[in-house]
Amino acid sequence: MKLSTRGRYGVRMMYELALRHGGDPVIIREIALNQGISEKYLSKLVIPLKGAQLVSSARGAHGGYVLTRDPSAITIRQIVEVLEGDITPVECVKNGSVCERSGSCPARDIWCGLDRTIAAYLEGITLDDLVRSGYEDAGASGYCI
């Protein structure tokens, strides 16, 4: 399984919003500059994040984007699933009827275990965890964003 730039850059965008949580809205240009990501690309990512009610926008001179909840209430899994879709590694894990062998497949338990491990790991990390780990010290904390 490989995450696309949508998931990776989306987490970085949400990290920037988490850093400024409780303050003024953040404009896309500032996030793009801080993260080295195209403004155009980020403007496409913000649409599904707004649709999932993870971010909201404010118009006007002091407009921009803010998190809709506290960073401790937004998990990396939520962000990744909004931007990447279902993160299940093999289709038969969620829907056994897609494969006639799913009931007798010797590897299905492996894929189910992998699915549970990935989901639990991403669910166990919040934006607040990323902020507290510190971007500059991300390698030491184990989070590489």
N, C-alpha and C. Protein backbone atom coordinates (compact mmCIF):
# COMPACT_ATOMS: atom_id res chain seq x y z
N MET A 1 0.84 -1.18 0.00
CA MET A 1 0.00 0.00 0.00
C MET A 1 0.89 1.24 0.00
N LYS A 2 0.52 2.17 -0.84
CA LYS A 2 1.30 3.40 -0.95
C LYS A 2 0.35 4.58 -0.96
N LEU A 3 0.59 5.53 -0.06
CA LEU A 3 -0.23 6.73 -0.03
C LEU A 3 0.21 7.67 -1.14
N SER A 4 -0.76 8.36 -1.71
CA SER A 4 -0.44 9.34 -2.74
C SER A 4 -0.09 10.67 -2.08
N THR A 5 0.26 11.64 -2.90
CA THR A 5 0.55 12.97 -2.38
C THR A 5 -0.70 13.60 -1.76
N ARG A 6 -1.87 13.18 -2.20
CA ARG A 6 -3.11 13.71 -1.60
C ARG A 6 -3.12 13.47 -0.09
N GLY A 7 -2.87 12.25 0.31
CA GLY A 7 -2.86 11.93 1.74
C GLY A 7 -1.70 12.56 2.48
N ARG A 8 -0.53 12.47 1.90
CA ARG A 8 0.67 13.01 2.56
C ARG A 8 0.61 14.53 2.69
N TYR A 9 0.27 15.20 1.60
CA TYR A 9 0.21 16.66 1.64
C TYR A 9 -0.98 17.14 2.47
N GLY A 10 -2.06 16.38 2.46
CA GLY A 10 -3.21 16.74 3.27
C GLY A 10 -2.89 16.72 4.75
N VAL A 11 -2.12 15.74 5.17
CA VAL A 11 -1.70 15.68 6.58
C VAL A 11 -0.82 16.88 6.90
N ARG A 12 0.07 17.24 6.00
CA ARG A 12 0.93 18.40 6.22
C ARG A 12 0.12 19.69 6.28
N MET A 13 -0.88 19.80 5.44
CA MET A 13 -1.75 20.97 5.47
C MET A 13 -2.49 21.05 6.81
N MET A 14 -3.04 19.93 7.24
CA MET A 14 -3.77 19.90 8.50
C MET A 14 -2.84 20.17 9.68
N TYR A 15 -1.61 19.73 9.58
CA TYR A 15 -0.61 20.02 10.61
C TYR A 15 -0.42 21.53 10.75
N GLU A 16 -0.32 22.22 9.62
CA GLU A 16 -0.16 23.69 9.64
C GLU A 16 -1.36 24.34 10.32
N LEU A 17 -2.56 23.86 10.02
CA LEU A 17 -3.76 24.42 10.66
C LEU A 17 -3.78 24.11 12.16
N ALA A 18 -3.30 22.92 12.52
CA ALA A 18 -3.25 22.55 13.93
C ALA A 18 -2.26 23.43 14.70
N LEU A 19 -1.15 23.78 14.07
CA LEU A 19 -0.18 24.66 14.71
C LEU A 19 -0.79 26.00 15.09
N ARG A 20 -1.73 26.45 14.30
CA ARG A 20 -2.34 27.77 14.49
C ARG A 20 -3.75 27.69 15.05
N HIS A 21 -4.12 26.52 15.56
CA HIS A 21 -5.47 26.32 16.10
C HIS A 21 -5.75 27.33 17.21
N GLY A 22 -6.92 27.94 17.13
CA GLY A 22 -7.31 28.94 18.12
C GLY A 22 -6.93 30.35 17.73
N GLY A 23 -6.17 30.48 16.64
CA GLY A 23 -5.77 31.79 16.17
C GLY A 23 -6.57 32.20 14.94
N ASP A 24 -6.01 33.13 14.20
CA ASP A 24 -6.65 33.61 12.98
C ASP A 24 -6.65 32.53 11.91
N PRO A 25 -7.60 32.61 10.98
CA PRO A 25 -7.60 31.68 9.85
C PRO A 25 -6.28 31.78 9.05
N VAL A 26 -5.89 30.68 8.46
CA VAL A 26 -4.63 30.60 7.72
C VAL A 26 -4.94 30.53 6.22
N ILE A 27 -4.26 31.35 5.44
CA ILE A 27 -4.49 31.34 4.01
C ILE A 27 -3.67 30.23 3.36
N ILE A 28 -4.18 29.74 2.25
CA ILE A 28 -3.53 28.65 1.52
C ILE A 28 -2.10 29.03 1.15
N ARG A 29 -1.89 30.26 0.75
CA ARG A 29 -0.56 30.71 0.33
C ARG A 29 0.48 30.49 1.45
N GLU A 30 0.08 30.78 2.69
CA GLU A 30 0.99 30.61 3.82
C GLU A 30 1.31 29.13 4.06
N ILE A 31 0.30 28.30 3.98
CA ILE A 31 0.51 26.86 4.15
C ILE A 31 1.42 26.35 3.04
N ALA A 32 1.15 26.76 1.82
CA ALA A 32 1.95 26.33 0.66
C ALA A 32 3.40 26.73 0.84
N LEU A 33 3.63 27.95 1.26
CA LEU A 33 4.99 28.45 1.47
C LEU A 33 5.69 27.67 2.57
N ASN A 34 5.03 27.47 3.69
CA ASN A 34 5.63 26.76 4.82
C ASN A 34 5.93 25.30 4.52
N GLN A 35 5.08 24.68 3.71
CA GLN A 35 5.22 23.25 3.45
C GLN A 35 5.85 22.93 2.10
N GLY A 36 6.10 23.94 1.28
CA GLY A 36 6.71 23.68 -0.02
C GLY A 36 5.79 22.90 -0.95
N ILE A 37 4.51 23.22 -0.89
CA ILE A 37 3.49 22.55 -1.71
C ILE A 37 2.79 23.62 -2.54
N SER A 38 2.42 23.28 -3.74
CA SER A 38 1.72 24.20 -4.63
C SER A 38 0.39 24.67 -4.03
N GLU A 39 0.13 25.98 -4.15
CA GLU A 39 -1.15 26.54 -3.70
C GLU A 39 -2.30 25.88 -4.44
N LYS A 40 -2.13 25.70 -5.72
CA LYS A 40 -3.18 25.11 -6.55
C LYS A 40 -3.53 23.70 -6.06
N TYR A 41 -2.51 22.93 -5.72
CA TYR A 41 -2.75 21.57 -5.24
C TYR A 41 -3.46 21.59 -3.89
N LEU A 42 -3.01 22.46 -3.00
CA LEU A 42 -3.66 22.55 -1.69
C LEU A 42 -5.11 23.01 -1.80
N SER A 43 -5.39 23.90 -2.75
CA SER A 43 -6.77 24.37 -2.91
C SER A 43 -7.69 23.23 -3.36
N LYS A 44 -7.14 22.23 -4.01
CA LYS A 44 -7.93 21.05 -4.39
C LYS A 44 -8.14 20.12 -3.19
N LEU A 45 -7.15 20.06 -2.31
CA LEU A 45 -7.25 19.18 -1.14
C LEU A 45 -8.23 19.71 -0.11
N VAL A 46 -8.35 21.01 -0.02
CA VAL A 46 -9.20 21.60 1.01
C VAL A 46 -10.68 21.31 0.76
N ILE A 47 -11.06 21.07 -0.47
CA ILE A 47 -12.47 20.83 -0.80
C ILE A 47 -13.01 19.59 -0.09
N PRO A 48 -12.38 18.42 -0.22
CA PRO A 48 -12.90 17.26 0.50
C PRO A 48 -12.75 17.38 2.02
N LEU A 49 -11.73 18.09 2.48
CA LEU A 49 -11.57 18.29 3.93
C LEU A 49 -12.70 19.15 4.48
N LYS A 50 -13.13 20.13 3.71
CA LYS A 50 -14.30 20.93 4.11
C LYS A 50 -15.56 20.07 4.07
N GLY A 51 -15.69 19.27 3.03
CA GLY A 51 -16.85 18.39 2.90
C GLY A 51 -16.98 17.42 4.06
N ALA A 52 -15.84 17.00 4.59
CA ALA A 52 -15.83 16.08 5.73
C ALA A 52 -15.92 16.83 7.06
N GLN A 53 -16.05 18.13 6.99
CA GLN A 53 -16.17 19.00 8.15
C GLN A 53 -14.96 18.92 9.08
N LEU A 54 -13.80 18.76 8.47
CA LEU A 54 -12.55 18.81 9.25
C LEU A 54 -11.98 20.22 9.26
N VAL A 55 -12.29 21.00 8.21
CA VAL A 55 -11.87 22.40 8.15
C VAL A 55 -13.06 23.26 7.72
N SER A 56 -12.96 24.53 8.04
CA SER A 56 -13.96 25.48 7.55
C SER A 56 -13.21 26.70 7.04
N SER A 57 -13.91 27.50 6.26
CA SER A 57 -13.27 28.67 5.67
C SER A 57 -13.94 29.94 6.15
N ALA A 58 -13.16 31.00 6.14
CA ALA A 58 -13.67 32.33 6.47
C ALA A 58 -13.28 33.25 5.33
N ARG A 59 -14.22 34.06 4.88
CA ARG A 59 -13.96 34.99 3.78
C ARG A 59 -13.54 36.34 4.32
N GLY A 60 -13.04 37.14 3.42
CA GLY A 60 -12.74 38.52 3.78
C GLY A 60 -11.26 38.77 3.98
N ALA A 61 -10.96 39.96 4.46
CA ALA A 61 -9.57 40.39 4.63
C ALA A 61 -8.80 39.49 5.60
N HIS A 62 -9.51 38.95 6.57
CA HIS A 62 -8.86 38.06 7.54
C HIS A 62 -9.32 36.63 7.34
N GLY A 63 -9.60 36.28 6.09
CA GLY A 63 -10.11 34.96 5.76
C GLY A 63 -9.02 33.92 5.68
N GLY A 64 -9.44 32.72 5.50
CA GLY A 64 -8.53 31.58 5.40
C GLY A 64 -9.23 30.34 5.91
N TYR A 65 -8.44 29.40 6.39
CA TYR A 65 -8.97 28.12 6.85
C TYR A 65 -8.61 27.86 8.29
N VAL A 66 -9.51 27.17 8.99
CA VAL A 66 -9.30 26.77 10.37
C VAL A 66 -9.81 25.34 10.55
N LEU A 67 -9.30 24.67 11.56
CA LEU A 67 -9.83 23.36 11.93
C LEU A 67 -11.20 23.56 12.55
N THR A 68 -12.08 22.60 12.32
CA THR A 68 -13.42 22.69 12.89
C THR A 68 -13.47 22.14 14.32
N ARG A 69 -12.43 21.43 14.72
CA ARG A 69 -12.38 20.86 16.07
C ARG A 69 -10.96 20.99 16.61
N ASP A 70 -10.83 20.65 17.84
CA ASP A 70 -9.53 20.65 18.48
C ASP A 70 -8.62 19.63 17.79
N PRO A 71 -7.33 19.94 17.64
CA PRO A 71 -6.41 18.99 16.99
C PRO A 71 -6.36 17.62 17.66
N SER A 72 -6.70 17.54 18.93
CA SER A 72 -6.69 16.25 19.63
C SER A 72 -7.88 15.38 19.21
N ALA A 73 -8.85 15.97 18.50
CA ALA A 73 -10.04 15.23 18.08
C ALA A 73 -10.01 14.86 16.60
N ILE A 74 -8.89 15.13 15.93
CA ILE A 74 -8.77 14.79 14.50
C ILE A 74 -7.62 13.81 14.35
N THR A 75 -7.94 12.62 13.86
CA THR A 75 -6.90 11.59 13.70
C THR A 75 -6.34 11.61 12.28
N ILE A 76 -5.15 11.07 12.17
CA ILE A 76 -4.52 10.94 10.85
C ILE A 76 -5.35 10.01 9.97
N ARG A 77 -5.97 9.02 10.56
CA ARG A 77 -6.83 8.11 9.78
C ARG A 77 -7.96 8.88 9.12
N GLN A 78 -8.60 9.79 9.86
CA GLN A 78 -9.70 10.56 9.29
C GLN A 78 -9.23 11.35 8.07
N ILE A 79 -8.10 12.00 8.20
CA ILE A 79 -7.58 12.82 7.10
C ILE A 79 -7.25 11.95 5.90
N VAL A 80 -6.53 10.87 6.14
CA VAL A 80 -6.11 9.99 5.04
C VAL A 80 -7.32 9.38 4.34
N GLU A 81 -8.31 8.93 5.09
CA GLU A 81 -9.48 8.32 4.45
C GLU A 81 -10.30 9.33 3.66
N VAL A 82 -10.34 10.57 4.12
CA VAL A 82 -11.05 11.60 3.35
C VAL A 82 -10.34 11.82 2.01
N LEU A 83 -9.03 11.86 2.03
CA LEU A 83 -8.27 12.20 0.83
C LEU A 83 -7.90 11.01 -0.05
N GLU A 84 -7.77 9.86 0.54
CA GLU A 84 -7.35 8.67 -0.22
C GLU A 84 -8.50 7.69 -0.47
N GLY A 85 -9.54 7.79 0.33
CA GLY A 85 -10.60 6.79 0.26
C GLY A 85 -10.28 5.65 1.22
N ASP A 86 -10.92 4.53 1.01
CA ASP A 86 -10.72 3.37 1.87
C ASP A 86 -9.26 2.94 1.84
N ILE A 87 -8.67 2.74 3.01
CA ILE A 87 -7.24 2.38 3.08
C ILE A 87 -7.01 0.89 3.26
N THR A 88 -8.07 0.11 3.11
CA THR A 88 -7.95 -1.34 3.23
C THR A 88 -6.99 -1.87 2.16
N PRO A 89 -6.00 -2.69 2.55
CA PRO A 89 -5.00 -3.14 1.58
C PRO A 89 -5.51 -4.10 0.51
N VAL A 90 -6.55 -4.88 0.82
CA VAL A 90 -7.09 -5.86 -0.12
C VAL A 90 -8.61 -5.80 -0.03
N GLU A 91 -9.29 -5.74 -1.16
CA GLU A 91 -10.73 -5.55 -1.21
C GLU A 91 -11.50 -6.61 -0.42
N CYS A 92 -11.04 -7.84 -0.40
CA CYS A 92 -11.79 -8.92 0.25
C CYS A 92 -11.86 -8.75 1.77
N VAL A 93 -11.03 -7.90 2.34
CA VAL A 93 -11.07 -7.67 3.78
C VAL A 93 -12.41 -7.05 4.18
N LYS A 94 -12.86 -6.08 3.43
CA LYS A 94 -14.13 -5.41 3.74
C LYS A 94 -15.33 -6.10 3.09
N ASN A 95 -15.09 -6.78 1.97
CA ASN A 95 -16.19 -7.37 1.22
C ASN A 95 -15.76 -8.74 0.71
N GLY A 96 -16.02 -9.78 1.50
CA GLY A 96 -15.62 -11.13 1.14
C GLY A 96 -16.25 -11.65 -0.14
N SER A 97 -17.35 -11.05 -0.56
CA SER A 97 -18.04 -11.54 -1.75
C SER A 97 -17.32 -11.17 -3.05
N VAL A 98 -16.30 -10.32 -3.00
CA VAL A 98 -15.60 -9.95 -4.23
C VAL A 98 -14.66 -11.06 -4.70
N CYS A 99 -14.39 -12.02 -3.82
CA CYS A 99 -13.49 -13.12 -4.19
C CYS A 99 -14.12 -14.44 -3.76
N GLU A 100 -14.21 -15.32 -4.70
CA GLU A 100 -14.83 -16.62 -4.41
C GLU A 100 -14.00 -17.44 -3.43
N ARG A 101 -12.74 -17.09 -3.23
CA ARG A 101 -11.86 -17.84 -2.34
C ARG A 101 -11.73 -17.21 -0.95
N SER A 102 -12.39 -16.10 -0.70
CA SER A 102 -12.16 -15.40 0.56
C SER A 102 -12.47 -16.27 1.79
N GLY A 103 -13.42 -17.17 1.68
CA GLY A 103 -13.75 -18.05 2.80
C GLY A 103 -12.70 -19.11 3.08
N SER A 104 -11.89 -19.44 2.09
CA SER A 104 -10.89 -20.50 2.26
C SER A 104 -9.46 -20.01 1.96
N CYS A 105 -9.29 -18.72 1.80
CA CYS A 105 -7.98 -18.18 1.44
C CYS A 105 -7.03 -18.21 2.64
N PRO A 106 -5.88 -18.84 2.50
CA PRO A 106 -4.95 -18.92 3.62
C PRO A 106 -4.31 -17.55 3.96
N ALA A 107 -4.34 -16.61 3.03
CA ALA A 107 -3.71 -15.31 3.27
C ALA A 107 -4.70 -14.26 3.78
N ARG A 108 -5.99 -14.52 3.73
CA ARG A 108 -6.97 -13.50 4.10
C ARG A 108 -6.78 -13.02 5.53
N ASP A 109 -6.45 -13.90 6.45
CA ASP A 109 -6.21 -13.48 7.85
C ASP A 109 -5.04 -12.50 7.94
N ILE A 110 -4.06 -12.69 7.09
CA ILE A 110 -2.91 -11.76 7.06
C ILE A 110 -3.40 -10.38 6.65
N TRP A 111 -4.19 -10.31 5.57
CA TRP A 111 -4.67 -9.02 5.08
C TRP A 111 -5.61 -8.35 6.09
N CYS A 112 -6.42 -9.16 6.76
CA CYS A 112 -7.31 -8.61 7.78
C CYS A 112 -6.51 -8.05 8.96
N GLY A 113 -5.47 -8.77 9.35
CA GLY A 113 -4.60 -8.28 10.43
C GLY A 113 -3.87 -7.01 10.05
N LEU A 114 -3.40 -6.96 8.81
CA LEU A 114 -2.72 -5.77 8.31
C LEU A 114 -3.68 -4.58 8.31
N ASP A 115 -4.90 -4.82 7.86
CA ASP A 115 -5.92 -3.77 7.84
C ASP A 115 -6.17 -3.22 9.25
N ARG A 116 -6.33 -4.11 10.21
CA ARG A 116 -6.57 -3.68 11.60
C ARG A 116 -5.37 -2.90 12.15
N THR A 117 -4.17 -3.35 11.83
CA THR A 117 -2.96 -2.69 12.34
C THR A 117 -2.82 -1.29 11.76
N ILE A 118 -3.00 -1.16 10.46
CA ILE A 118 -2.90 0.15 9.82
C ILE A 118 -3.96 1.10 10.38
N ALA A 119 -5.19 0.63 10.44
CA ALA A 119 -6.29 1.47 10.93
C ALA A 119 -6.04 1.91 12.37
N ALA A 120 -5.63 0.98 13.23
CA ALA A 120 -5.38 1.31 14.63
C ALA A 120 -4.22 2.29 14.78
N TYR A 121 -3.18 2.10 14.00
CA TYR A 121 -2.02 2.99 14.07
C TYR A 121 -2.40 4.41 13.68
N LEU A 122 -3.07 4.56 12.53
CA LEU A 122 -3.47 5.89 12.06
C LEU A 122 -4.53 6.52 12.96
N GLU A 123 -5.39 5.71 13.54
CA GLU A 123 -6.42 6.20 14.46
C GLU A 123 -5.79 6.66 15.78
N GLY A 124 -4.66 6.10 16.11
CA GLY A 124 -3.99 6.41 17.37
C GLY A 124 -3.12 7.66 17.35
N ILE A 125 -3.03 8.31 16.20
CA ILE A 125 -2.22 9.53 16.10
C ILE A 125 -3.15 10.69 15.72
N THR A 126 -3.12 11.73 16.52
CA THR A 126 -3.93 12.91 16.26
C THR A 126 -3.05 14.05 15.75
N LEU A 127 -3.70 15.07 15.26
CA LEU A 127 -2.95 16.27 14.86
C LEU A 127 -2.22 16.87 16.05
N ASP A 128 -2.84 16.79 17.21
CA ASP A 128 -2.19 17.29 18.42
C ASP A 128 -0.89 16.52 18.70
N ASP A 129 -0.90 15.22 18.45
CA ASP A 129 0.33 14.43 18.62
C ASP A 129 1.43 14.95 17.71
N LEU A 130 1.08 15.27 16.46
CA LEU A 130 2.07 15.81 15.53
C LEU A 130 2.61 17.15 16.00
N VAL A 131 1.71 18.01 16.45
CA VAL A 131 2.14 19.33 16.94
C VAL A 131 3.05 19.17 18.14
N ARG A 132 2.68 18.31 19.07
CA ARG A 132 3.49 18.12 20.28
C ARG A 132 4.84 17.48 19.98
N SER A 133 4.89 16.67 18.91
CA SER A 133 6.16 16.02 18.57
C SER A 133 7.14 17.03 17.98
N GLY A 134 6.62 18.09 17.40
CA GLY A 134 7.48 19.11 16.82
C GLY A 134 7.96 18.70 15.45
N TYR A 135 7.75 19.57 14.47
CA TYR A 135 8.12 19.27 13.09
C TYR A 135 9.61 19.03 12.96
N GLU A 136 10.40 19.88 13.57
CA GLU A 136 11.85 19.75 13.43
C GLU A 136 12.36 18.45 14.06
N ASP A 137 11.62 17.96 15.05
CA ASP A 137 12.03 16.76 15.75
C ASP A 137 11.21 15.54 15.35
N ALA A 138 10.55 15.62 14.19
CA ALA A 138 9.63 14.56 13.76
C ALA A 138 10.33 13.21 13.66
N GLY A 139 11.58 13.20 13.22
CA GLY A 139 12.29 11.92 13.09
C GLY A 139 12.49 11.26 14.43
N ALA A 140 12.78 12.03 15.46
CA ALA A 140 13.00 11.46 16.78
C ALA A 140 11.70 10.92 17.38
N SER A 141 10.58 11.52 17.02
CA SER A 141 9.30 11.08 17.58
C SER A 141 8.76 9.86 16.84
N GLY A 142 9.30 9.60 15.67
CA GLY A 142 8.79 8.49 14.87
C GLY A 142 7.82 8.92 13.79
N TYR A 143 7.40 10.18 13.81
CA TYR A 143 6.48 10.69 12.79
C TYR A 143 7.28 11.40 11.71
N CYS A 144 7.11 10.96 10.52
CA CYS A 144 7.79 11.58 9.39
C CYS A 144 6.73 12.18 8.49
N ILE A 145 6.56 13.48 8.55
CA ILE A 145 5.55 14.10 7.70
C ILE A 145 6.29 14.91 6.68
